[in-house]
Amino acid sequence: MSGPAAGAAVAGTATDVVCLGESMVTFLPSQPGRLADVPSFGRGIGGAESNVACALAAAGHRAAWVGRVGADGFGDHLVEAIASYGVDTSAVRRDPARPTGIYFRTATDRGAGTHEVAYYRAGSAASAMSPANMPYGELFAGRVLHLSGITAALSEDCLALLRELTAPRAGRPLVSFDVNHRPHLWRGGNADATVLLDLARRCDLVFVGEDEAEEAWGIVGAEAIRAAVPEPAALVVKRGSAGATVFASELRPGPGVPAAARGSGDAAVARASRVEGAGDASGPAFPAAGGAEGGDTVTHVPALRVEVVAAVGAGDAFAAGFLSATLRGLPVRDRARHGHLMAAAVLTVPGDLTEPPARDHADRLAALDDDAWGRLRLGPGWTAAGRPSEEVRTP
């Protein structure tokens, strides 16, 4: 590891979350149709980790994005656009020999069979990230370091970097990891399944979709996923319209011993679980590991009913909402609810990013009882303050 010892810059830091990953300039079509038929495109930005940083900054947290971009106009645009959300981009590195990645996509939903995405990221500046050229002082300068499996897929050097950053060591900031399995990015074979599982098991907080766990690992069901990923202090299994299930033992953002250093193996797999009802917001969000109950709390939080405009960026927004509530020390149920609310804000706009609801607005919704939460119907414009009568609608 070429940088300073992990955790050296953590004490007294002013940064809440540092996000590492590739961001690209996105070209959005002016009208629906095949890429071959679209006459013009508008320019935006895209990137899982920078999306999280932007959402956190917009929600009032001190967020930084670290990556590499080309010494070109697209790199200038990325850095300026991300910084405009209030994100610290001072640790972004410029690469004079490699370009900034770009991609084009159709206007249809990403899940539709006719959806097209054309990536131009091979050999990009971000793909050259490695343990030798990234600023470790800045990467370990926050209470939380947020990573994703996308970075691991970009190159062998990027994978080596993630392995360094997730290595267990005392003083490491809390490491958050979104699996983000992207089969088209991997370099062939099924090695990605083993790599992503290994990385997830080295982190403190892990987000994974139930569908991607089945696709990547052949594991079906939230309980089985937890059995395969026992080490993280918190595992969030996203279940689409069914909601999210959180398995949690201990999670305290800031300096400390990472989950991977606390022990793993059969003892972790055999931890007893107790189910905490979705409506139980009392008590600690993440009880101390080895407490009186003997292990995990398991909390299921139903998803919201949302009038979807575009299903892009919702997973990144969920992670940002969950991290935001974690930084604030909210109960586990409310952490997941804030994830759902942040995702709903993005789902009701065309792009990957939007202004989140005001904190007091989101807190009020997250505190609703189970019946009122289940009656929420959120559509375009719901994040605007002063419209509570339109937020809760009976079926």
Protein backbone atom coordinates (compact mmCIF):
# COMPACT_ATOMS: atom_id res chain seq x y z
CA MET A 1 0.00 0.00 0.00
CA SER A 2 1.70 3.15 -1.17
CA GLY A 3 -0.18 5.76 0.87
CA PRO A 4 -0.21 6.56 4.59
CA ALA A 5 -1.46 4.04 7.08
CA ALA A 6 -5.20 3.50 6.94
CA GLY A 7 -7.03 5.78 9.31
CA ALA A 8 -4.16 8.28 9.55
CA ALA A 9 -6.36 11.08 8.23
CA VAL A 10 -9.55 10.02 9.98
CA ALA A 11 -9.14 11.69 13.36
CA GLY A 12 -10.66 15.17 13.38
CA THR A 13 -11.84 14.86 9.79
CA ALA A 14 -14.43 17.23 8.37
CA THR A 15 -15.59 14.68 5.78
CA ASP A 16 -18.53 12.33 6.33
CA VAL A 17 -18.29 10.09 3.26
CA VAL A 18 -15.63 9.60 0.59
CA CYS A 19 -16.85 7.90 -2.60
CA LEU A 20 -14.39 6.30 -5.04
CA GLY A 21 -15.23 5.27 -8.58
CA GLU A 22 -15.54 6.12 -12.25
CA SER A 23 -17.85 8.86 -13.40
CA MET A 24 -18.66 9.41 -17.06
CA VAL A 25 -20.29 11.99 -19.23
CA THR A 26 -23.72 10.68 -20.21
CA PHE A 27 -25.46 11.50 -23.48
CA LEU A 28 -29.23 11.40 -23.08
CA PRO A 29 -31.45 11.13 -26.18
CA SER A 30 -33.71 13.96 -27.24
CA GLN A 31 -36.50 11.49 -28.03
CA PRO A 32 -37.36 7.80 -27.63
CA GLY A 33 -36.11 5.31 -30.20
CA ARG A 34 -33.08 3.32 -31.24
CA LEU A 35 -29.72 4.96 -30.82
CA ALA A 36 -29.40 4.73 -34.60
CA ASP A 37 -32.48 6.92 -34.99
CA VAL A 38 -31.99 9.53 -32.26
CA PRO A 39 -31.03 12.85 -33.92
CA SER A 40 -29.47 14.59 -30.91
CA PHE A 41 -28.44 14.10 -27.30
CA GLY A 42 -28.25 16.20 -24.18
CA ARG A 43 -25.25 15.99 -21.90
CA GLY A 44 -25.38 14.78 -18.30
CA ILE A 45 -23.21 12.93 -15.82
CA GLY A 46 -23.35 9.36 -14.57
CA GLY A 47 -21.49 7.20 -12.12
CA ALA A 48 -22.72 5.09 -9.20
CA GLU A 49 -20.29 6.43 -6.63
CA SER A 50 -20.47 10.08 -7.66
CA ASN A 51 -24.27 9.75 -7.65
CA VAL A 52 -24.05 8.72 -3.99
CA ALA A 53 -21.71 11.62 -3.22
CA CYS A 54 -23.99 14.15 -4.94
CA ALA A 55 -27.09 12.87 -3.14
CA LEU A 56 -25.33 12.97 0.24
CA ALA A 57 -24.04 16.49 -0.35
CA ALA A 58 -27.49 17.65 -1.44
CA ALA A 59 -28.86 16.13 1.78
CA GLY A 60 -26.49 18.25 3.86
CA HIS A 61 -23.55 15.93 4.43
CA ARG A 62 -19.87 16.57 3.78
CA ALA A 63 -19.15 14.30 0.84
CA ALA A 64 -16.13 13.87 -1.39
CA TRP A 65 -15.72 12.08 -4.69
CA VAL A 66 -12.34 10.64 -5.67
CA GLY A 67 -11.57 9.32 -9.16
CA ARG A 68 -9.53 9.86 -12.31
CA VAL A 69 -10.65 11.74 -15.40
CA GLY A 70 -8.91 12.74 -18.58
CA ALA A 71 -7.23 16.10 -19.07
CA ASP A 72 -10.01 16.98 -21.51
CA GLY A 73 -13.22 18.96 -21.72
CA PHE A 74 -15.36 16.02 -20.61
CA GLY A 75 -13.21 15.68 -17.51
CA ASP A 76 -13.63 19.40 -16.83
CA HIS A 77 -17.39 19.05 -17.14
CA LEU A 78 -17.56 16.05 -14.80
CA VAL A 79 -15.54 17.67 -12.05
CA GLU A 80 -17.45 20.96 -12.32
CA ALA A 81 -20.87 19.28 -12.44
CA ILE A 82 -20.20 17.04 -9.44
CA ALA A 83 -18.72 19.94 -7.47
CA SER A 84 -21.86 21.98 -8.19
CA TYR A 85 -23.78 19.63 -5.87
CA GLY A 86 -21.48 20.63 -3.02
CA VAL A 87 -19.18 17.61 -3.37
CA ASP A 88 -15.47 18.00 -2.59
CA THR A 89 -13.59 17.06 -5.80
CA SER A 90 -10.16 18.28 -4.73
CA ALA A 91 -8.68 14.75 -4.72
CA VAL A 92 -9.74 13.93 -8.30
CA ARG A 93 -6.71 13.10 -10.44
CA ARG A 94 -6.28 14.14 -14.09
CA ASP A 95 -4.70 11.73 -16.59
CA PRO A 96 -3.02 13.40 -19.58
CA ALA A 97 -2.69 10.12 -21.49
CA ARG A 98 -6.19 8.62 -21.16
CA PRO A 99 -9.65 10.01 -21.94
CA THR A 100 -12.67 10.55 -19.72
CA GLY A 101 -15.23 7.78 -20.22
CA ILE A 102 -18.54 8.55 -21.94
CA TYR A 103 -21.70 6.63 -22.74
CA PHE A 104 -24.94 6.96 -24.67
CA ARG A 105 -28.28 5.44 -23.72
CA THR A 106 -31.78 5.28 -25.10
CA ALA A 107 -34.71 6.99 -23.42
CA THR A 108 -36.56 3.77 -22.59
CA ASP A 109 -36.42 2.18 -19.16
CA ARG A 110 -33.23 0.26 -18.40
CA GLY A 111 -35.22 -2.87 -17.74
CA ALA A 112 -36.94 -2.83 -21.12
CA GLY A 113 -35.82 -5.26 -23.79
CA THR A 114 -35.26 -2.45 -26.30
CA HIS A 115 -33.04 -0.42 -24.02
CA GLU A 116 -29.56 0.29 -25.41
CA VAL A 117 -26.41 1.54 -23.73
CA ALA A 118 -23.23 2.24 -25.67
CA TYR A 119 -20.16 2.60 -23.44
CA TYR A 120 -16.91 4.23 -24.53
CA ARG A 121 -14.88 3.62 -21.39
CA ALA A 122 -12.26 1.02 -22.35
CA GLY A 123 -8.85 2.49 -21.60
CA SER A 124 -10.39 5.41 -19.74
CA ALA A 125 -8.54 7.44 -17.14
CA ALA A 126 -10.56 5.78 -14.39
CA SER A 127 -9.63 2.29 -15.56
CA ALA A 128 -6.01 3.17 -14.73
CA MET A 129 -6.74 3.67 -11.01
CA SER A 130 -4.36 1.52 -8.96
CA PRO A 131 -2.79 1.26 -5.50
CA ALA A 132 0.21 3.17 -6.90
CA ASN A 133 -1.56 6.31 -8.14
CA MET A 134 -4.51 7.02 -5.84
CA PRO A 135 -4.44 9.44 -2.87
CA TYR A 136 -4.78 7.23 0.19
CA GLY A 137 -4.75 10.18 2.57
CA GLU A 138 -7.92 11.53 0.94
CA LEU A 139 -9.53 8.10 0.55
CA PHE A 140 -9.27 7.42 4.28
CA ALA A 141 -10.18 10.97 5.28
CA GLY A 142 -13.86 10.34 6.04
CA ARG A 143 -16.04 8.54 8.54
CA VAL A 144 -17.18 6.28 5.68
CA LEU A 145 -15.50 5.10 2.48
CA HIS A 146 -18.06 4.08 -0.16
CA LEU A 147 -17.08 1.70 -2.96
CA SER A 148 -18.83 -0.44 -5.56
CA GLY A 149 -18.26 -3.58 -7.58
CA ILE A 150 -18.24 -1.54 -10.77
CA THR A 151 -14.74 -0.30 -10.00
CA ALA A 152 -13.46 -3.85 -9.55
CA ALA A 153 -14.64 -4.69 -13.07
CA LEU A 154 -12.77 -1.89 -14.84
CA SER A 155 -9.26 -3.37 -14.80
CA GLU A 156 -6.90 -5.58 -12.84
CA ASP A 157 -5.34 -2.44 -11.37
CA CYS A 158 -8.75 -1.23 -10.19
CA LEU A 159 -9.44 -4.61 -8.63
CA ALA A 160 -6.09 -4.47 -6.84
CA LEU A 161 -7.02 -1.03 -5.51
CA LEU A 162 -10.32 -2.28 -4.08
CA ARG A 163 -8.57 -5.23 -2.48
CA GLU A 164 -6.16 -2.81 -0.79
CA LEU A 165 -8.94 -0.52 0.39
CA THR A 166 -11.03 -3.37 1.82
CA ALA A 167 -8.12 -5.13 3.53
CA PRO A 168 -8.81 -5.50 7.27
CA ARG A 169 -6.78 -3.13 9.40
CA ALA A 170 -7.42 -1.26 12.63
CA GLY A 171 -8.35 2.39 12.18
CA ARG A 172 -9.95 1.89 8.78
CA PRO A 173 -13.05 4.03 8.24
CA LEU A 174 -16.32 2.20 7.91
CA VAL A 175 -16.30 0.68 4.40
CA SER A 176 -19.58 0.69 2.52
CA PHE A 177 -19.84 -1.52 -0.57
CA ASP A 178 -22.58 -1.69 -3.20
CA VAL A 179 -22.18 -4.96 -5.12
CA ASN A 180 -23.47 -3.39 -8.37
CA HIS A 181 -22.94 -6.50 -10.50
CA ARG A 182 -22.50 -5.42 -14.14
CA PRO A 183 -21.83 -8.59 -16.21
CA HIS A 184 -21.03 -6.66 -19.40
CA LEU A 185 -18.07 -4.94 -17.73
CA TRP A 186 -16.22 -8.05 -16.68
CA ARG A 187 -13.42 -9.52 -18.72
CA GLY A 188 -14.96 -12.94 -19.36
CA GLY A 189 -15.72 -16.04 -17.36
CA ASN A 190 -17.39 -16.22 -13.96
CA ALA A 191 -14.50 -14.79 -11.96
CA ASP A 192 -16.63 -11.74 -11.19
CA ALA A 193 -18.88 -13.81 -8.93
CA THR A 194 -16.01 -14.88 -6.69
CA VAL A 195 -14.41 -11.44 -6.74
CA LEU A 196 -17.57 -9.61 -5.69
CA LEU A 197 -18.36 -12.09 -2.95
CA ASP A 198 -14.84 -11.81 -1.58
CA LEU A 199 -14.96 -8.00 -1.61
CA ALA A 200 -18.38 -7.91 0.05
CA ARG A 201 -17.17 -10.13 2.88
CA ARG A 202 -14.31 -7.69 3.62
CA CYS A 203 -16.59 -4.67 4.12
CA ASP A 204 -18.65 -3.26 7.00
CA LEU A 205 -21.86 -2.27 5.22
CA VAL A 206 -22.98 -4.07 2.05
CA PHE A 207 -25.84 -3.34 -0.35
CA VAL A 208 -26.90 -6.10 -2.74
CA GLY A 209 -30.00 -6.70 -4.82
CA GLU A 210 -31.75 -10.02 -4.36
CA ASP A 211 -31.80 -10.40 -8.14
CA GLU A 212 -28.09 -9.68 -8.62
CA ALA A 213 -27.15 -12.10 -5.82
CA GLU A 214 -29.00 -14.82 -7.69
CA GLU A 215 -27.43 -13.82 -11.01
CA ALA A 216 -23.87 -13.47 -9.72
CA TRP A 217 -23.74 -16.06 -6.96
CA GLY A 218 -26.67 -18.39 -7.60
CA ILE A 219 -27.98 -17.57 -4.11
CA VAL A 220 -31.73 -17.22 -3.65
CA GLY A 221 -33.36 -15.40 -0.75
CA ALA A 222 -32.24 -12.87 1.83
CA GLU A 223 -31.39 -15.40 4.55
CA ALA A 224 -29.20 -17.39 2.17
CA ILE A 225 -27.41 -14.20 1.10
CA ARG A 226 -26.66 -13.37 4.72
CA ALA A 227 -25.30 -16.89 5.27
CA ALA A 228 -22.94 -16.37 2.33
CA VAL A 229 -21.93 -12.86 3.47
CA PRO A 230 -21.78 -13.16 7.27
CA GLU A 231 -18.93 -10.76 8.07
CA PRO A 232 -20.37 -7.26 7.39
CA ALA A 233 -21.86 -5.52 10.39
CA ALA A 234 -24.84 -4.66 8.20
CA LEU A 235 -26.12 -6.33 5.04
CA VAL A 236 -28.92 -4.61 3.12
CA VAL A 237 -30.73 -6.92 0.70
CA LYS A 238 -32.75 -4.87 -1.78
CA ARG A 239 -35.83 -6.74 -2.95
CA GLY A 240 -37.32 -4.37 -5.51
CA SER A 241 -41.00 -3.65 -5.00
CA ALA A 242 -40.98 -6.01 -2.00
CA GLY A 243 -38.79 -3.62 -0.03
CA ALA A 244 -35.49 -4.18 1.75
CA THR A 245 -34.29 -6.54 4.47
CA VAL A 246 -31.49 -5.39 6.77
CA PHE A 247 -29.34 -7.85 8.71
CA ALA A 248 -27.38 -5.91 11.30
CA SER A 249 -25.13 -6.52 14.26
CA GLU A 250 -22.96 -3.45 14.77
CA LEU A 251 -22.29 -0.37 12.63
CA ARG A 252 -20.62 2.77 13.91
CA PRO A 253 -19.25 5.20 11.27
CA GLY A 254 -15.80 6.44 12.07
CA PRO A 255 -12.43 5.06 13.16
CA GLY A 256 -12.49 1.54 14.52
CA VAL A 257 -11.83 -2.08 13.81
CA PRO A 258 -13.50 -3.16 10.56
CA ALA A 259 -15.97 -6.01 10.44
CA ALA A 260 -13.55 -8.23 8.55
CA ALA A 261 -11.05 -7.97 11.43
CA ARG A 262 -13.59 -8.91 14.08
CA GLY A 263 -13.72 -12.56 13.07
CA SER A 264 -15.59 -14.58 10.51
CA GLY A 265 -16.17 -18.13 9.38
CA ASP A 266 -18.42 -20.65 11.09
CA ALA A 267 -18.95 -18.54 14.19
CA ALA A 268 -20.29 -15.65 12.13
CA VAL A 269 -22.48 -17.92 10.00
CA ALA A 270 -23.94 -19.49 13.12
CA ARG A 271 -24.95 -16.20 14.75
CA ALA A 272 -28.45 -16.32 16.14
CA SER A 273 -30.94 -13.89 14.61
CA ARG A 274 -33.91 -12.15 16.13
CA VAL A 275 -36.51 -10.41 14.00
CA GLU A 276 -37.20 -6.77 14.75
CA GLY A 277 -40.58 -5.66 13.46
CA ALA A 278 -40.64 -2.99 10.79
CA GLY A 279 -42.64 -0.75 13.07
CA ASP A 280 -40.26 -1.02 16.04
CA ALA A 281 -38.16 2.11 15.98
CA SER A 282 -37.13 1.91 19.65
CA GLY A 283 -33.76 0.79 20.87
CA PRO A 284 -30.41 0.87 19.11
CA ALA A 285 -30.35 0.69 15.33
CA PHE A 286 -27.49 -1.79 15.26
CA PRO A 287 -27.03 -3.64 18.56
CA ALA A 288 -23.50 -4.49 19.55
CA ALA A 289 -22.28 -7.77 18.13
CA GLY A 290 -22.40 -10.54 20.70
CA GLY A 291 -25.06 -8.73 22.74
CA ALA A 292 -27.78 -10.32 24.80
CA GLU A 293 -29.67 -11.47 21.75
CA GLY A 294 -26.59 -13.20 20.36
CA GLY A 295 -26.28 -11.65 16.90
CA ASP A 296 -28.21 -9.97 14.09
CA THR A 297 -31.36 -8.02 14.17
CA VAL A 298 -33.37 -8.63 11.01
CA THR A 299 -35.57 -5.77 9.88
CA HIS A 300 -37.82 -5.77 6.82
CA VAL A 301 -39.01 -2.41 5.51
CA PRO A 302 -41.63 -2.35 2.73
CA ALA A 303 -40.97 -0.31 -0.39
CA LEU A 304 -43.00 2.76 -1.25
CA ARG A 305 -45.53 2.97 -4.06
CA VAL A 306 -44.03 5.33 -6.58
CA GLU A 307 -45.19 6.75 -9.92
CA VAL A 308 -41.98 5.95 -11.78
CA VAL A 309 -40.74 8.39 -14.39
CA ALA A 310 -37.39 6.68 -15.03
CA ALA A 311 -35.83 3.70 -13.24
CA VAL A 312 -32.28 5.05 -13.28
CA GLY A 313 -30.09 5.85 -10.29
CA ALA A 314 -32.52 4.45 -7.72
CA GLY A 315 -30.03 2.00 -6.23
CA ASP A 316 -27.43 4.74 -5.74
CA ALA A 317 -30.06 6.98 -4.16
CA PHE A 318 -31.13 4.20 -1.79
CA ALA A 319 -27.52 3.75 -0.65
CA ALA A 320 -27.20 7.50 -0.12
CA GLY A 321 -30.39 7.65 1.94
CA PHE A 322 -29.33 4.69 4.07
CA LEU A 323 -25.85 6.16 4.61
CA SER A 324 -27.30 9.57 5.47
CA ALA A 325 -29.51 8.08 8.18
CA THR A 326 -26.62 5.91 9.41
CA LEU A 327 -24.42 8.99 9.82
CA ARG A 328 -27.20 10.56 11.86
CA GLY A 329 -27.52 7.49 14.10
CA LEU A 330 -31.17 6.81 13.24
CA PRO A 331 -32.85 3.46 14.02
CA VAL A 332 -32.42 0.68 11.49
CA ARG A 333 -36.01 0.91 10.26
CA ASP A 334 -35.60 4.61 9.56
CA ARG A 335 -32.28 4.06 7.78
CA ALA A 336 -34.02 1.78 5.30
CA ARG A 337 -37.00 4.14 5.04
CA HIS A 338 -34.69 7.04 4.22
CA GLY A 339 -33.17 4.80 1.54
CA HIS A 340 -36.61 4.22 0.05
CA LEU A 341 -37.44 7.93 0.20
CA MET A 342 -34.21 8.98 -1.50
CA ALA A 343 -34.82 6.35 -4.18
CA ALA A 344 -38.37 7.63 -4.67
CA ALA A 345 -37.03 11.14 -5.26
CA VAL A 346 -34.88 9.85 -8.15
CA LEU A 347 -37.53 7.51 -9.55
CA THR A 348 -39.92 10.44 -10.05
CA VAL A 349 -37.53 12.45 -12.26
CA PRO A 350 -35.99 11.63 -15.68
CA GLY A 351 -32.30 11.55 -14.67
CA ASP A 352 -29.97 9.90 -12.16
CA LEU A 353 -29.88 12.87 -9.76
CA THR A 354 -32.37 15.21 -8.18
CA GLU A 355 -32.81 17.46 -5.18
CA PRO A 356 -33.76 15.20 -2.23
CA PRO A 357 -36.62 16.05 0.11
CA ALA A 358 -35.78 18.47 2.89
CA ARG A 359 -34.45 16.66 5.95
CA ASP A 360 -37.41 17.51 8.21
CA HIS A 361 -39.78 16.48 5.42
CA ALA A 362 -38.07 13.09 5.03
CA ASP A 363 -37.85 12.61 8.80
CA ARG A 364 -41.58 13.22 9.14
CA LEU A 365 -42.36 10.60 6.49
CA ALA A 366 -39.86 8.10 7.87
CA ALA A 367 -41.51 8.39 11.30
CA LEU A 368 -44.98 7.43 10.05
CA ASP A 369 -46.61 4.36 11.53
CA ASP A 370 -46.72 1.24 9.39
CA ASP A 371 -50.25 1.84 8.10
CA ALA A 372 -49.52 5.41 7.03
CA TRP A 373 -46.21 4.34 5.43
CA GLY A 374 -48.10 1.71 3.44
CA ARG A 375 -50.59 4.31 2.18
CA LEU A 376 -47.94 6.67 0.80
CA ARG A 377 -48.21 7.33 -2.94
CA LEU A 378 -45.32 9.39 -4.28
CA GLY A 379 -45.34 10.97 -7.73
CA PRO A 380 -43.46 13.71 -9.60
CA GLY A 381 -42.99 16.79 -7.45
CA TRP A 382 -43.52 15.03 -4.13
CA THR A 383 -40.27 16.33 -2.67
CA ALA A 384 -41.52 19.93 -2.79
CA ALA A 385 -42.21 21.22 0.69
CA GLY A 386 -45.67 22.41 1.73
CA ARG A 387 -47.69 19.71 -0.03
CA PRO A 388 -48.39 17.17 2.71
CA SER A 389 -51.98 16.65 1.61
CA GLU A 390 -50.74 15.12 -1.64
CA GLU A 391 -48.25 12.73 -0.04
CA VAL A 392 -50.62 10.27 1.61
CA ARG A 393 -53.38 8.90 -0.54
CA THR A 394 -55.62 5.99 0.26
CA PRO A 395 -55.81 3.16 -2.28
